[in-house]
PDB file of N, CA and C in Angstrom:
ATOM      1  N   MET A   1      59.253  25.728 -52.805  1.00  0.00           N
ATOM      2  CA  MET A   1      57.904  26.000 -53.425  1.00  0.00           C
ATOM      3  C   MET A   1      58.009  27.581 -53.328  1.00  0.00           C
ATOM      4  N   ASN A   2      56.319  27.729 -54.209  1.00  0.00           N
ATOM      5  CA  ASN A   2      56.079  29.155 -54.493  1.00  0.00           C
ATOM      6  C   ASN A   2      55.224  29.331 -53.340  1.00  0.00           C
ATOM      7  N   ARG A   3      56.167  31.028 -53.019  1.00  0.00           N
ATOM      8  CA  ARG A   3      55.245  31.184 -51.761  1.00  0.00           C
ATOM      9  C   ARG A   3      54.047  31.671 -51.793  1.00  0.00           C
ATOM     10  N   ASN A   4      53.514  32.011 -53.258  1.00  0.00           N
ATOM     11  CA  ASN A   4      52.145  31.683 -53.520  1.00  0.00           C
ATOM     12  C   ASN A   4      51.244  30.969 -53.527  1.00  0.00           C
ATOM     13  N   MET A   5      51.813  29.865 -53.061  1.00  0.00           N
ATOM     14  CA  MET A   5      50.808  28.508 -53.312  1.00  0.00           C
ATOM     15  C   MET A   5      49.888  28.595 -52.284  1.00  0.00           C
ATOM     16  N   PRO A   6      48.667  28.297 -52.563  1.00  0.00           N
ATOM     17  CA  PRO A   6      47.270  28.114 -51.340  1.00  0.00           C
ATOM     18  C   PRO A   6      47.962  27.104 -50.599  1.00  0.00           C
ATOM     19  N   GLU A   7      47.208  27.508 -49.369  1.00  0.00           N
ATOM     20  CA  GLU A   7      47.332  26.217 -48.294  1.00  0.00           C
ATOM     21  C   GLU A   7      45.954  25.586 -48.745  1.00  0.00           C
ATOM     22  N   ILE A   8      46.102  24.287 -48.153  1.00  0.00           N
ATOM     23  CA  ILE A   8      45.265  22.993 -48.349  1.00  0.00           C
ATOM     24  C   ILE A   8      43.504  23.374 -47.933  1.00  0.00           C
ATOM     25  N   ARG A   9      44.006  23.915 -46.529  1.00  0.00           N
ATOM     26  CA  ARG A   9      42.368  24.334 -45.895  1.00  0.00           C
ATOM     27  C   ARG A   9      41.867  25.620 -46.407  1.00  0.00           C
ATOM     28  N   GLN A  10      42.506  26.530 -47.575  1.00  0.00           N
ATOM     29  CA  GLN A  10      41.902  27.697 -48.220  1.00  0.00           C
ATOM     30  C   GLN A  10      41.401  26.889 -49.333  1.00  0.00           C
ATOM     31  N   VAL A  11      41.931  25.918 -50.243  1.00  0.00           N
ATOM     32  CA  VAL A  11      41.799  25.075 -51.526  1.00  0.00           C
ATOM     33  C   VAL A  11      39.964  24.787 -50.664  1.00  0.00           C
ATOM     34  N   LEU A  12      40.091  23.979 -49.695  1.00  0.00           N
ATOM     35  CA  LEU A  12      39.012  23.010 -49.173  1.00  0.00           C
ATOM     36  C   LEU A  12      38.096  23.865 -48.487  1.00  0.00           C
ATOM     37  N   ALA A  13      38.373  25.137 -48.553  1.00  0.00           N
ATOM     38  CA  ALA A  13      37.345  26.046 -47.849  1.00  0.00           C
ATOM     39  C   ALA A  13      36.864  26.807 -49.246  1.00  0.00           C
ATOM     40  N   PHE A  14      37.108  27.329 -50.301  1.00  0.00           N
ATOM     41  CA  PHE A  14      36.562  27.373 -51.636  1.00  0.00           C
ATOM     42  C   PHE A  14      36.082  26.512 -52.078  1.00  0.00           C
ATOM     43  N   VAL A  15      36.665  25.044 -52.074  1.00  0.00           N
ATOM     44  CA  VAL A  15      35.404  24.414 -52.671  1.00  0.00           C
ATOM     45  C   VAL A  15      34.413  24.086 -52.095  1.00  0.00           C
ATOM     46  N   ALA A  16      34.467  24.165 -50.799  1.00  0.00           N
ATOM     47  CA  ALA A  16      32.973  23.542 -50.105  1.00  0.00           C
ATOM     48  C   ALA A  16      31.699  24.783 -50.398  1.00  0.00           C
ATOM     49  N   VAL A  17      32.464  25.909 -50.243  1.00  0.00           N
ATOM     50  CA  VAL A  17      31.598  27.485 -50.438  1.00  0.00           C
ATOM     51  C   VAL A  17      31.006  26.847 -52.130  1.00  0.00           C
ATOM     52  N   ILE A  18      31.824  26.764 -53.015  1.00  0.00           N
ATOM     53  CA  ILE A  18      30.928  26.155 -54.422  1.00  0.00           C
ATOM     54  C   ILE A  18      30.157  25.115 -54.132  1.00  0.00           C
ATOM     55  N   GLU A  19      30.721  24.284 -53.563  1.00  0.00           N
ATOM     56  CA  GLU A  19      29.852  22.646 -53.528  1.00  0.00           C
ATOM     57  C   GLU A  19      28.469  22.923 -52.662  1.00  0.00           C
ATOM     58  N   THR A  20      28.340  23.864 -51.311  1.00  0.00           N
ATOM     59  CA  THR A  20      27.487  23.975 -50.809  1.00  0.00           C
ATOM     60  C   THR A  20      26.522  25.071 -51.177  1.00  0.00           C
ATOM     61  N   GLY A  21      26.995  25.981 -51.964  1.00  0.00           N
ATOM     62  CA  GLY A  21      26.486  27.263 -51.991  1.00  0.00           C
ATOM     63  C   GLY A  21      26.359  28.143 -51.314  1.00  0.00           C
ATOM     64  N   SER A  22      27.041  28.333 -49.791  1.00  0.00           N
ATOM     65  CA  SER A  22      27.077  28.971 -48.817  1.00  0.00           C
ATOM     66  C   SER A  22      28.419  29.452 -48.013  1.00  0.00           C
ATOM     67  N   PHE A  23      28.507  30.358 -47.656  1.00  0.00           N
ATOM     68  CA  PHE A  23      29.697  30.338 -46.592  1.00  0.00           C
ATOM     69  C   PHE A  23      29.121  29.441 -44.896  1.00  0.00           C
ATOM     70  N   THR A  24      27.825  29.453 -44.914  1.00  0.00           N
ATOM     71  CA  THR A  24      27.478  28.868 -43.476  1.00  0.00           C
ATOM     72  C   THR A  24      27.629  27.481 -43.664  1.00  0.00           C
ATOM     73  N   LEU A  25      27.255  27.274 -44.769  1.00  0.00           N
ATOM     74  CA  LEU A  25      26.875  25.771 -44.874  1.00  0.00           C
ATOM     75  C   LEU A  25      28.138  25.049 -45.253  1.00  0.00           C
ATOM     76  N   ALA A  26      29.105  25.499 -45.713  1.00  0.00           N
ATOM     77  CA  ALA A  26      30.498  25.176 -45.904  1.00  0.00           C
ATOM     78  C   ALA A  26      31.201  25.089 -44.440  1.00  0.00           C
ATOM     79  N   ALA A  27      30.831  26.514 -43.522  1.00  0.00           N
ATOM     80  CA  ALA A  27      31.610  26.286 -42.558  1.00  0.00           C
ATOM     81  C   ALA A  27      31.435  24.907 -41.615  1.00  0.00           C
ATOM     82  N   LYS A  28      29.844  24.511 -41.960  1.00  0.00           N
ATOM     83  CA  LYS A  28      29.054  23.197 -41.002  1.00  0.00           C
ATOM     84  C   LYS A  28      30.092  22.138 -41.678  1.00  0.00           C
ATOM     85  N   LYS A  29      29.995  22.371 -42.900  1.00  0.00           N
ATOM     86  CA  LYS A  29      30.845  21.013 -43.698  1.00  0.00           C
ATOM     87  C   LYS A  29      31.982  20.952 -42.869  1.00  0.00           C
ATOM     88  N   LEU A  30      32.939  21.906 -43.087  1.00  0.00           N
ATOM     89  CA  LEU A  30      34.271  21.437 -42.711  1.00  0.00           C
ATOM     90  C   LEU A  30      34.867  21.628 -40.770  1.00  0.00           C
ATOM     91  N   ASN A  31      33.323  21.839 -40.047  1.00  0.00           N
ATOM     92  CA  ASN A  31      33.656  22.004 -39.000  1.00  0.00           C
ATOM     93  C   ASN A  31      34.234  23.391 -38.547  1.00  0.00           C
ATOM     94  N   LEU A  32      33.938  24.285 -39.134  1.00  0.00           N
ATOM     95  CA  LEU A  32      34.534  25.979 -38.597  1.00  0.00           C
ATOM     96  C   LEU A  32      33.746  26.754 -38.836  1.00  0.00           C
ATOM     97  N   THR A  33      34.148  28.167 -38.661  1.00  0.00           N
ATOM     98  CA  THR A  33      32.516  28.940 -38.395  1.00  0.00           C
ATOM     99  C   THR A  33      32.949  29.914 -39.727  1.00  0.00           C
ATOM    100  N   GLN A  34      32.085  30.325 -40.014  1.00  0.00           N
ATOM    101  CA  GLN A  34      31.606  30.911 -40.907  1.00  0.00           C
ATOM    102  C   GLN A  34      32.803  32.062 -41.445  1.00  0.00           C
ATOM    103  N   SER A  35      33.360  32.887 -40.445  1.00  0.00           N
ATOM    104  CA  SER A  35      34.152  33.696 -40.393  1.00  0.00           C
ATOM    105  C   SER A  35      35.858  33.077 -40.950  1.00  0.00           C
ATOM    106  N   ALA A  36      35.683  32.000 -40.175  1.00  0.00           N
ATOM    107  CA  ALA A  36      37.393  31.092 -40.556  1.00  0.00           C
ATOM    108  C   ALA A  36      37.240  30.963 -42.441  1.00  0.00           C
ATOM    109  N   ILE A  37      35.954  30.450 -42.728  1.00  0.00           N
ATOM    110  CA  ILE A  37      36.008  30.578 -44.285  1.00  0.00           C
ATOM    111  C   ILE A  37      36.115  31.194 -44.852  1.00  0.00           C
ATOM    112  N   SER A  38      35.316  32.554 -44.546  1.00  0.00           N
ATOM    113  CA  SER A  38      35.250  34.147 -45.355  1.00  0.00           C
ATOM    114  C   SER A  38      36.955  34.572 -45.027  1.00  0.00           C
ATOM    115  N   HIS A  39      37.518  34.148 -44.095  1.00  0.00           N
ATOM    116  CA  HIS A  39      38.973  34.465 -43.656  1.00  0.00           C
ATOM    117  C   HIS A  39      39.754  34.049 -44.995  1.00  0.00           C
ATOM    118  N   SER A  40      39.788  32.750 -45.297  1.00  0.00           N
ATOM    119  CA  SER A  40      40.418  31.455 -45.964  1.00  0.00           C
ATOM    120  C   SER A  40      40.110  32.139 -47.145  1.00  0.00           C
ATOM    121  N   LEU A  41      39.053  32.585 -47.521  1.00  0.00           N
ATOM    122  CA  LEU A  41      38.527  32.891 -49.125  1.00  0.00           C
ATOM    123  C   LEU A  41      39.599  34.108 -49.097  1.00  0.00           C
ATOM    124  N   ARG A  42      39.654  35.014 -48.368  1.00  0.00           N
ATOM    125  CA  ARG A  42      40.197  35.909 -48.531  1.00  0.00           C
ATOM    126  C   ARG A  42      41.557  36.120 -48.826  1.00  0.00           C
ATOM    127  N   ALA A  43      42.396  35.179 -47.706  1.00  0.00           N
ATOM    128  CA  ALA A  43      43.454  35.006 -47.880  1.00  0.00           C
ATOM    129  C   ALA A  43      44.111  33.950 -49.241  1.00  0.00           C
ATOM    130  N   LEU A  44      43.602  33.431 -49.613  1.00  0.00           N
ATOM    131  CA  LEU A  44      43.460  32.468 -50.820  1.00  0.00           C
ATOM    132  C   LEU A  44      43.514  33.565 -52.266  1.00  0.00           C
ATOM    133  N   GLU A  45      42.752  34.296 -51.869  1.00  0.00           N
ATOM    134  CA  GLU A  45      42.315  35.229 -53.091  1.00  0.00           C
ATOM    135  C   GLU A  45      43.766  36.299 -53.308  1.00  0.00           C
ATOM    136  N   ASP A  46      44.078  36.816 -51.977  1.00  0.00           N
ATOM    137  CA  ASP A  46      45.119  37.683 -51.603  1.00  0.00           C
ATOM    138  C   ASP A  46      46.594  37.034 -52.210  1.00  0.00           C
ATOM    139  N   SER A  47      46.715  35.774 -51.756  1.00  0.00           N
ATOM    140  CA  SER A  47      47.918  34.464 -52.307  1.00  0.00           C
ATOM    141  C   SER A  47      47.780  34.886 -53.525  1.00  0.00           C
ATOM    142  N   LEU A  48      46.418  34.538 -54.537  1.00  0.00           N
ATOM    143  CA  LEU A  48      46.650  34.269 -55.878  1.00  0.00           C
ATOM    144  C   LEU A  48      46.634  35.531 -56.579  1.00  0.00           C
ATOM    145  N   ASN A  49      46.518  36.626 -55.925  1.00  0.00           N
ATOM    146  CA  ASN A  49      46.395  37.714 -56.440  1.00  0.00           C
ATOM    147  C   ASN A  49      45.088  38.038 -57.644  1.00  0.00           C
ATOM    148  N   ALA A  50      44.237  37.114 -57.159  1.00  0.00           N
ATOM    149  CA  ALA A  50      42.791  36.971 -58.462  1.00  0.00           C
ATOM    150  C   ALA A  50      41.932  37.051 -57.507  1.00  0.00           C
ATOM    151  N   GLN A  51      40.665  37.559 -57.943  1.00  0.00           N
ATOM    152  CA  GLN A  51      39.154  37.514 -57.468  1.00  0.00           C
ATOM    153  C   GLN A  51      38.412  36.156 -58.135  1.00  0.00           C
ATOM    154  N   LEU A  52      38.169  35.288 -56.838  1.00  0.00           N
ATOM    155  CA  LEU A  52      37.284  34.266 -57.635  1.00  0.00           C
ATOM    156  C   LEU A  52      36.261  34.061 -57.135  1.00  0.00           C
ATOM    157  N   LEU A  53      35.387  35.023 -56.495  1.00  0.00           N
ATOM    158  CA  LEU A  53      34.137  35.371 -56.300  1.00  0.00           C
ATOM    159  C   LEU A  53      33.634  36.271 -56.808  1.00  0.00           C
ATOM    160  N   ASN A  54      32.518  36.876 -57.299  1.00  0.00           N
ATOM    161  CA  ASN A  54      31.935  38.151 -56.947  1.00  0.00           C
ATOM    162  C   ASN A  54      30.856  37.695 -56.018  1.00  0.00           C
ATOM    163  N   ARG A  55      31.129  39.073 -54.725  1.00  0.00           N
ATOM    164  CA  ARG A  55      30.034  38.598 -53.745  1.00  0.00           C
ATOM    165  C   ARG A  55      29.047  39.961 -53.820  1.00  0.00           C
ATOM    166  N   LYS A  56      27.909  39.561 -53.660  1.00  0.00           N
ATOM    167  CA  LYS A  56      26.840  40.943 -53.941  1.00  0.00           C
ATOM    168  C   LYS A  56      25.867  40.250 -52.511  1.00  0.00           C
ATOM    169  N   GLY A  57      25.701  40.470 -51.590  1.00  0.00           N
ATOM    170  CA  GLY A  57      25.111  40.160 -50.229  1.00  0.00           C
ATOM    171  C   GLY A  57      25.793  38.542 -49.981  1.00  0.00           C
ATOM    172  N   ARG A  58      24.534  38.222 -49.701  1.00  0.00           N
ATOM    173  CA  ARG A  58      24.750  36.885 -49.239  1.00  0.00           C
ATOM    174  C   ARG A  58      24.860  35.915 -50.669  1.00  0.00           C
ATOM    175  N   SER A  59      24.689  36.518 -51.925  1.00  0.00           N
ATOM    176  CA  SER A  59      25.347  35.732 -53.209  1.00  0.00           C
ATOM    177  C   SER A  59      26.529  35.752 -53.702  1.00  0.00           C
ATOM    178  N   HIS A  60      26.988  35.148 -54.177  1.00  0.00           N
ATOM    179  CA  HIS A  60      28.177  34.852 -55.000  1.00  0.00           C
ATOM    180  C   HIS A  60      28.554  33.904 -56.229  1.00  0.00           C
ATOM    181  N   ARG A  61      29.086  34.777 -56.732  1.00  0.00           N
ATOM    182  CA  ARG A  61      29.131  33.799 -58.399  1.00  0.00           C
ATOM    183  C   ARG A  61      30.688  33.491 -58.779  1.00  0.00           C
ATOM    184  N   LEU A  62      31.028  32.767 -59.305  1.00  0.00           N
ATOM    185  CA  LEU A  62      32.847  32.490 -59.676  1.00  0.00           C
ATOM    186  C   LEU A  62      32.778  33.547 -61.001  1.00  0.00           C
ATOM    187  N   THR A  63      34.215  33.913 -60.766  1.00  0.00           N
ATOM    188  CA  THR A  63      34.755  34.819 -61.688  1.00  0.00           C
ATOM    189  C   THR A  63      35.007  34.028 -62.565  1.00  0.00           C
ATOM    190  N   ARG A  64      35.819  34.481 -63.872  1.00  0.00           N
ATOM    191  CA  ARG A  64      36.552  33.789 -64.803  1.00  0.00           C
ATOM    192  C   ARG A  64      37.654  32.452 -63.920  1.00  0.00           C
ATOM    193  N   SER A  65      38.688  33.533 -62.907  1.00  0.00           N
ATOM    194  CA  SER A  65      39.483  32.902 -62.773  1.00  0.00           C
ATOM    195  C   SER A  65      39.276  31.890 -61.513  1.00  0.00           C
ATOM    196  N   GLY A  66      37.577  32.227 -60.938  1.00  0.00           N
ATOM    197  CA  GLY A  66      37.277  31.396 -59.971  1.00  0.00           C
ATOM    198  C   GLY A  66      36.997  29.833 -60.522  1.00  0.00           C
ATOM    199  N   GLU A  67      36.719  29.517 -61.900  1.00  0.00           N
ATOM    200  CA  GLU A  67      36.206  28.659 -62.496  1.00  0.00           C
ATOM    201  C   GLU A  67      37.336  27.988 -62.789  1.00  0.00           C
ATOM    202  N   VAL A  68      38.248  28.550 -63.622  1.00  0.00           N
ATOM    203  CA  VAL A  68      39.602  27.829 -63.465  1.00  0.00           C
ATOM    204  C   VAL A  68      40.089  27.326 -62.556  1.00  0.00           C
ATOM    205  N   PHE A  69      40.473  28.191 -61.337  1.00  0.00           N
ATOM    206  CA  PHE A  69      40.800  27.663 -59.914  1.00  0.00           C
ATOM    207  C   PHE A  69      40.301  26.108 -59.561  1.00  0.00           C
ATOM    208  N   LEU A  70      38.939  26.333 -59.680  1.00  0.00           N
ATOM    209  CA  LEU A  70      38.004  25.293 -59.122  1.00  0.00           C
ATOM    210  C   LEU A  70      38.274  24.001 -59.734  1.00  0.00           C
ATOM    211  N   LYS A  71      38.338  24.308 -61.257  1.00  0.00           N
ATOM    212  CA  LYS A  71      38.793  23.053 -61.987  1.00  0.00           C
ATOM    213  C   LYS A  71      39.988  22.163 -61.220  1.00  0.00           C
ATOM    214  N   HIS A  72      40.881  23.080 -61.398  1.00  0.00           N
ATOM    215  CA  HIS A  72      42.272  22.061 -60.793  1.00  0.00           C
ATOM    216  C   HIS A  72      42.312  21.857 -59.523  1.00  0.00           C
ATOM    217  N   SER A  73      41.703  22.852 -58.639  1.00  0.00           N
ATOM    218  CA  SER A  73      41.217  22.788 -56.888  1.00  0.00           C
ATOM    219  C   SER A  73      40.551  20.997 -57.260  1.00  0.00           C
ATOM    220  N   ARG A  74      39.754  20.671 -57.576  1.00  0.00           N
ATOM    221  CA  ARG A  74      39.001  19.400 -57.927  1.00  0.00           C
ATOM    222  C   ARG A  74      39.913  18.407 -57.981  1.00  0.00           C
ATOM    223  N   ALA A  75      40.322  18.715 -59.013  1.00  0.00           N
ATOM    224  CA  ALA A  75      41.840  17.597 -59.748  1.00  0.00           C
ATOM    225  C   ALA A  75      42.577  17.215 -58.559  1.00  0.00           C
ATOM    226  N   VAL A  76      43.285  18.508 -57.755  1.00  0.00           N
ATOM    227  CA  VAL A  76      44.218  18.050 -56.942  1.00  0.00           C
ATOM    228  C   VAL A  76      43.580  17.521 -55.702  1.00  0.00           C
ATOM    229  N   LEU A  77      42.346  17.861 -54.851  1.00  0.00           N
ATOM    230  CA  LEU A  77      41.630  17.246 -53.726  1.00  0.00           C
ATOM    231  C   LEU A  77      41.479  15.738 -54.381  1.00  0.00           C
ATOM    232  N   ALA A  78      40.934  15.287 -55.522  1.00  0.00           N
ATOM    233  CA  ALA A  78      40.956  14.342 -55.917  1.00  0.00           C
ATOM    234  C   ALA A  78      41.889  13.224 -55.930  1.00  0.00           C
ATOM    235  N   GLU A  79      43.255  13.821 -56.662  1.00  0.00           N
ATOM    236  CA  GLU A  79      44.648  13.075 -56.205  1.00  0.00           C
ATOM    237  C   GLU A  79      45.147  13.058 -55.110  1.00  0.00           C
ATOM    238  N   LEU A  80      45.092  14.011 -54.070  1.00  0.00           N
ATOM    239  CA  LEU A  80      45.156  13.720 -52.614  1.00  0.00           C
ATOM    240  C   LEU A  80      44.136  12.612 -52.119  1.00  0.00           C
ATOM    241  N   ASP A  81      43.004  12.151 -52.491  1.00  0.00           N
ATOM    242  CA  ASP A  81      42.497  11.569 -51.809  1.00  0.00           C
ATOM    243  C   ASP A  81      42.324  10.275 -52.589  1.00  0.00           C
ATOM    244  N   LEU A  82      43.241  10.325 -53.541  1.00  0.00           N
ATOM    245  CA  LEU A  82      43.658   9.087 -54.159  1.00  0.00           C
ATOM    246  C   LEU A  82      45.033   8.403 -53.214  1.00  0.00           C
ATOM    247  N   ALA A  83      45.736   9.290 -53.207  1.00  0.00           N
ATOM    248  CA  ALA A  83      46.753   9.138 -52.607  1.00  0.00           C
ATOM    249  C   ALA A  83      46.938   8.719 -51.094  1.00  0.00           C
ATOM    250  N   VAL A  84      45.576   9.415 -50.466  1.00  0.00           N
ATOM    251  CA  VAL A  84      45.356   8.688 -48.872  1.00  0.00           C
ATOM    252  C   VAL A  84      44.869   7.141 -49.012  1.00  0.00           C
ATOM    253  N   ARG A  85      44.164   7.358 -50.055  1.00  0.00           N
ATOM    254  CA  ARG A  85      43.482   5.474 -49.943  1.00  0.00           C
ATOM    255  C   ARG A  85      44.518   4.432 -50.812  1.00  0.00           C
ATOM    256  N   ASN A  86      45.507   5.027 -51.271  1.00  0.00           N
ATOM    257  CA  ASN A  86      46.636   4.242 -51.865  1.00  0.00           C
ATOM    258  C   ASN A  86      47.606   3.617 -50.470  1.00  0.00           C
ATOM    259  N   MET A  87      47.669   4.792 -49.710  1.00  0.00           N
ATOM    260  CA  MET A  87      48.572   4.746 -48.328  1.00  0.00           C
ATOM    261  C   MET A  87      47.775   3.864 -47.346  1.00  0.00           C
ATOM    262  N   ASP A  88      46.452   3.943 -47.493  1.00  0.00           N
ATOM    263  CA  ASP A  88      45.515   3.094 -46.634  1.00  0.00           C
ATOM    264  C   ASP A  88      45.661   1.555 -46.948  1.00  0.00           C
ATOM    265  N   ALA A  89      45.887   1.565 -48.535  1.00  0.00           N
ATOM    266  CA  ALA A  89      45.434  -0.052 -48.779  1.00  0.00           C
ATOM    267  C   ALA A  89      47.222  -0.830 -48.326  1.00  0.00           C
ATOM    268  N   LEU A  90      48.028  -0.057 -48.717  1.00  0.00           N
ATOM    269  CA  LEU A  90      49.794  -0.201 -48.445  1.00  0.00           C
ATOM    270  C   LEU A  90      49.785  -0.869 -47.232  1.00  0.00           C
ATOM    271  N   GLN A  91      49.127   0.046 -46.167  1.00  0.00           N
ATOM    272  CA  GLN A  91      49.069  -0.083 -44.567  1.00  0.00           C
ATOM    273  C   GLN A  91      48.140  -1.343 -44.318  1.00  0.00           C
ATOM    274  N   GLN A  92      47.541  -1.372 -44.964  1.00  0.00           N
ATOM    275  CA  GLN A  92      46.323  -3.095 -44.736  1.00  0.00           C
ATOM    276  C   GLN A  92      46.838  -4.101 -45.666  1.00  0.00           C
ATOM    277  N   ARG A  93      47.937  -4.122 -46.206  1.00  0.00           N
ATOM    278  CA  ARG A  93      48.434  -5.194 -46.639  1.00  0.00           C
ATOM    279  C   ARG A  93      49.777  -5.379 -45.842  1.00  0.00           C
ATOM    280  N   ALA A  94      50.191  -4.470 -45.450  1.00  0.00           N
ATOM    281  CA  ALA A  94      51.237  -4.266 -44.470  1.00  0.00           C
ATOM    282  C   ALA A  94      51.382  -4.871 -43.278  1.00  0.00           C
ATOM    283  N   GLY A  95      49.999  -4.874 -42.376  1.00  0.00           N
ATOM    284  CA  GLY A  95      49.666  -5.327 -41.638  1.00  0.00           C
ATOM    285  C   GLY A  95      49.079  -6.290 -40.641  1.00  0.00           C
TER     286      GLY A  95
END
Protein backbone atom coordinates (compact mmCIF):
# COMPACT_ATOMS: atom_id res chain seq x y z
CA MET A 1 0.00 0.00 0.00
CA ASN A 2 1.13 3.50 -0.77
CA ARG A 3 2.42 5.14 2.43
CA ASN A 4 0.73 8.39 1.36
CA MET A 5 -2.68 6.71 1.21
CA PRO A 6 -5.11 8.83 3.24
CA GLU A 7 -7.03 7.30 6.10
CA ILE A 8 -10.78 6.89 5.63
CA ARG A 9 -11.51 9.10 8.66
CA GLN A 10 -9.56 11.91 7.01
CA VAL A 11 -11.51 11.53 3.78
CA LEU A 12 -14.80 11.47 5.71
CA ALA A 13 -13.80 14.63 7.57
CA PHE A 14 -12.82 16.40 4.35
CA VAL A 15 -16.09 15.52 2.59
CA ALA A 16 -18.13 16.44 5.68
CA VAL A 17 -16.50 19.89 5.85
CA ILE A 18 -17.35 20.52 2.21
CA GLU A 19 -20.88 19.15 2.48
CA THR A 20 -21.75 21.04 5.66
CA GLY A 21 -19.73 24.15 4.85
CA SER A 22 -18.30 24.21 8.36
CA PHE A 23 -15.71 22.50 10.50
CA THR A 24 -18.09 22.73 13.45
CA LEU A 25 -21.04 21.19 11.59
CA ALA A 26 -18.78 18.50 10.13
CA ALA A 27 -17.67 17.64 13.66
CA LYS A 28 -21.28 17.35 14.80
CA LYS A 29 -22.17 15.20 11.79
CA LEU A 30 -19.30 12.79 12.51
CA ASN A 31 -19.63 12.93 16.31
CA LEU A 32 -16.13 14.37 16.67
CA THR A 33 -14.65 17.56 18.02
CA GLN A 34 -13.87 20.48 15.76
CA SER A 35 -10.24 20.01 16.75
CA ALA A 36 -10.33 16.40 15.50
CA ILE A 37 -11.72 17.58 12.16
CA SER A 38 -9.03 20.26 11.83
CA HIS A 39 -6.32 17.76 12.74
CA SER A 40 -7.65 15.21 10.22
CA LEU A 41 -7.66 17.78 7.43
CA ARG A 42 -4.14 18.96 8.24
CA ALA A 43 -2.92 15.36 8.31
CA LEU A 44 -4.71 14.65 5.02
CA GLU A 45 -3.09 17.64 3.34
CA ASP A 46 0.29 16.60 4.73
CA SER A 47 -0.07 13.03 3.50
CA LEU A 48 -1.10 14.25 0.03
CA ASN A 49 1.48 17.03 0.04
CA ALA A 50 -1.25 19.33 -1.28
CA GLN A 51 -3.40 22.13 0.07
CA LEU A 52 -7.07 21.17 -0.33
CA LEU A 53 -8.65 24.26 1.23
CA ASN A 54 -7.80 27.94 1.23
CA ARG A 55 -8.61 29.03 4.75
CA LYS A 56 -9.36 32.63 5.64
CA GLY A 57 -10.79 33.08 9.11
CA ARG A 58 -13.87 30.90 9.40
CA SER A 59 -14.36 30.66 5.66
CA HIS A 60 -12.71 28.19 3.34
CA ARG A 61 -12.69 27.47 -0.37
CA LEU A 62 -11.56 24.43 -2.27
CA THR A 63 -8.28 24.70 -4.12
CA ARG A 64 -7.98 23.08 -7.54
CA SER A 65 -6.37 20.10 -5.78
CA GLY A 66 -9.27 20.06 -3.36
CA GLU A 67 -11.79 19.98 -6.21
CA VAL A 68 -10.04 17.00 -7.79
CA PHE A 69 -9.67 15.17 -4.48
CA LEU A 70 -13.32 15.82 -3.56
CA LYS A 71 -14.52 14.27 -6.83
CA HIS A 72 -12.50 11.12 -6.21
CA SER A 73 -13.34 11.02 -2.50
CA ARG A 74 -17.06 11.04 -3.23
CA ALA A 75 -16.61 8.23 -5.76
CA VAL A 76 -14.61 6.13 -3.27
CA LEU A 77 -17.15 6.69 -0.49
CA ALA A 78 -20.00 5.75 -2.86
CA GLU A 79 -18.19 2.52 -3.75
CA LEU A 80 -17.63 1.71 -0.08
CA ASP A 81 -21.31 2.34 0.63
CA LEU A 82 -22.26 0.00 -2.22
CA ALA A 83 -19.87 -2.65 -0.91
CA VAL A 84 -21.42 -2.47 2.55
CA ARG A 85 -24.94 -2.70 1.12
CA ASN A 86 -23.92 -5.71 -1.00
CA MET A 87 -22.40 -7.40 2.05
CA ASP A 88 -25.61 -6.76 4.00
CA ALA A 89 -27.62 -8.31 1.17
CA LEU A 90 -25.37 -11.39 1.20
CA GLN A 91 -25.84 -11.74 4.95
CA GLN A 92 -29.61 -11.46 4.58
CA ARG A 93 -29.67 -14.22 1.97
CA ALA A 94 -27.38 -16.45 4.03
CA GLY A 95 -29.17 -15.83 7.30
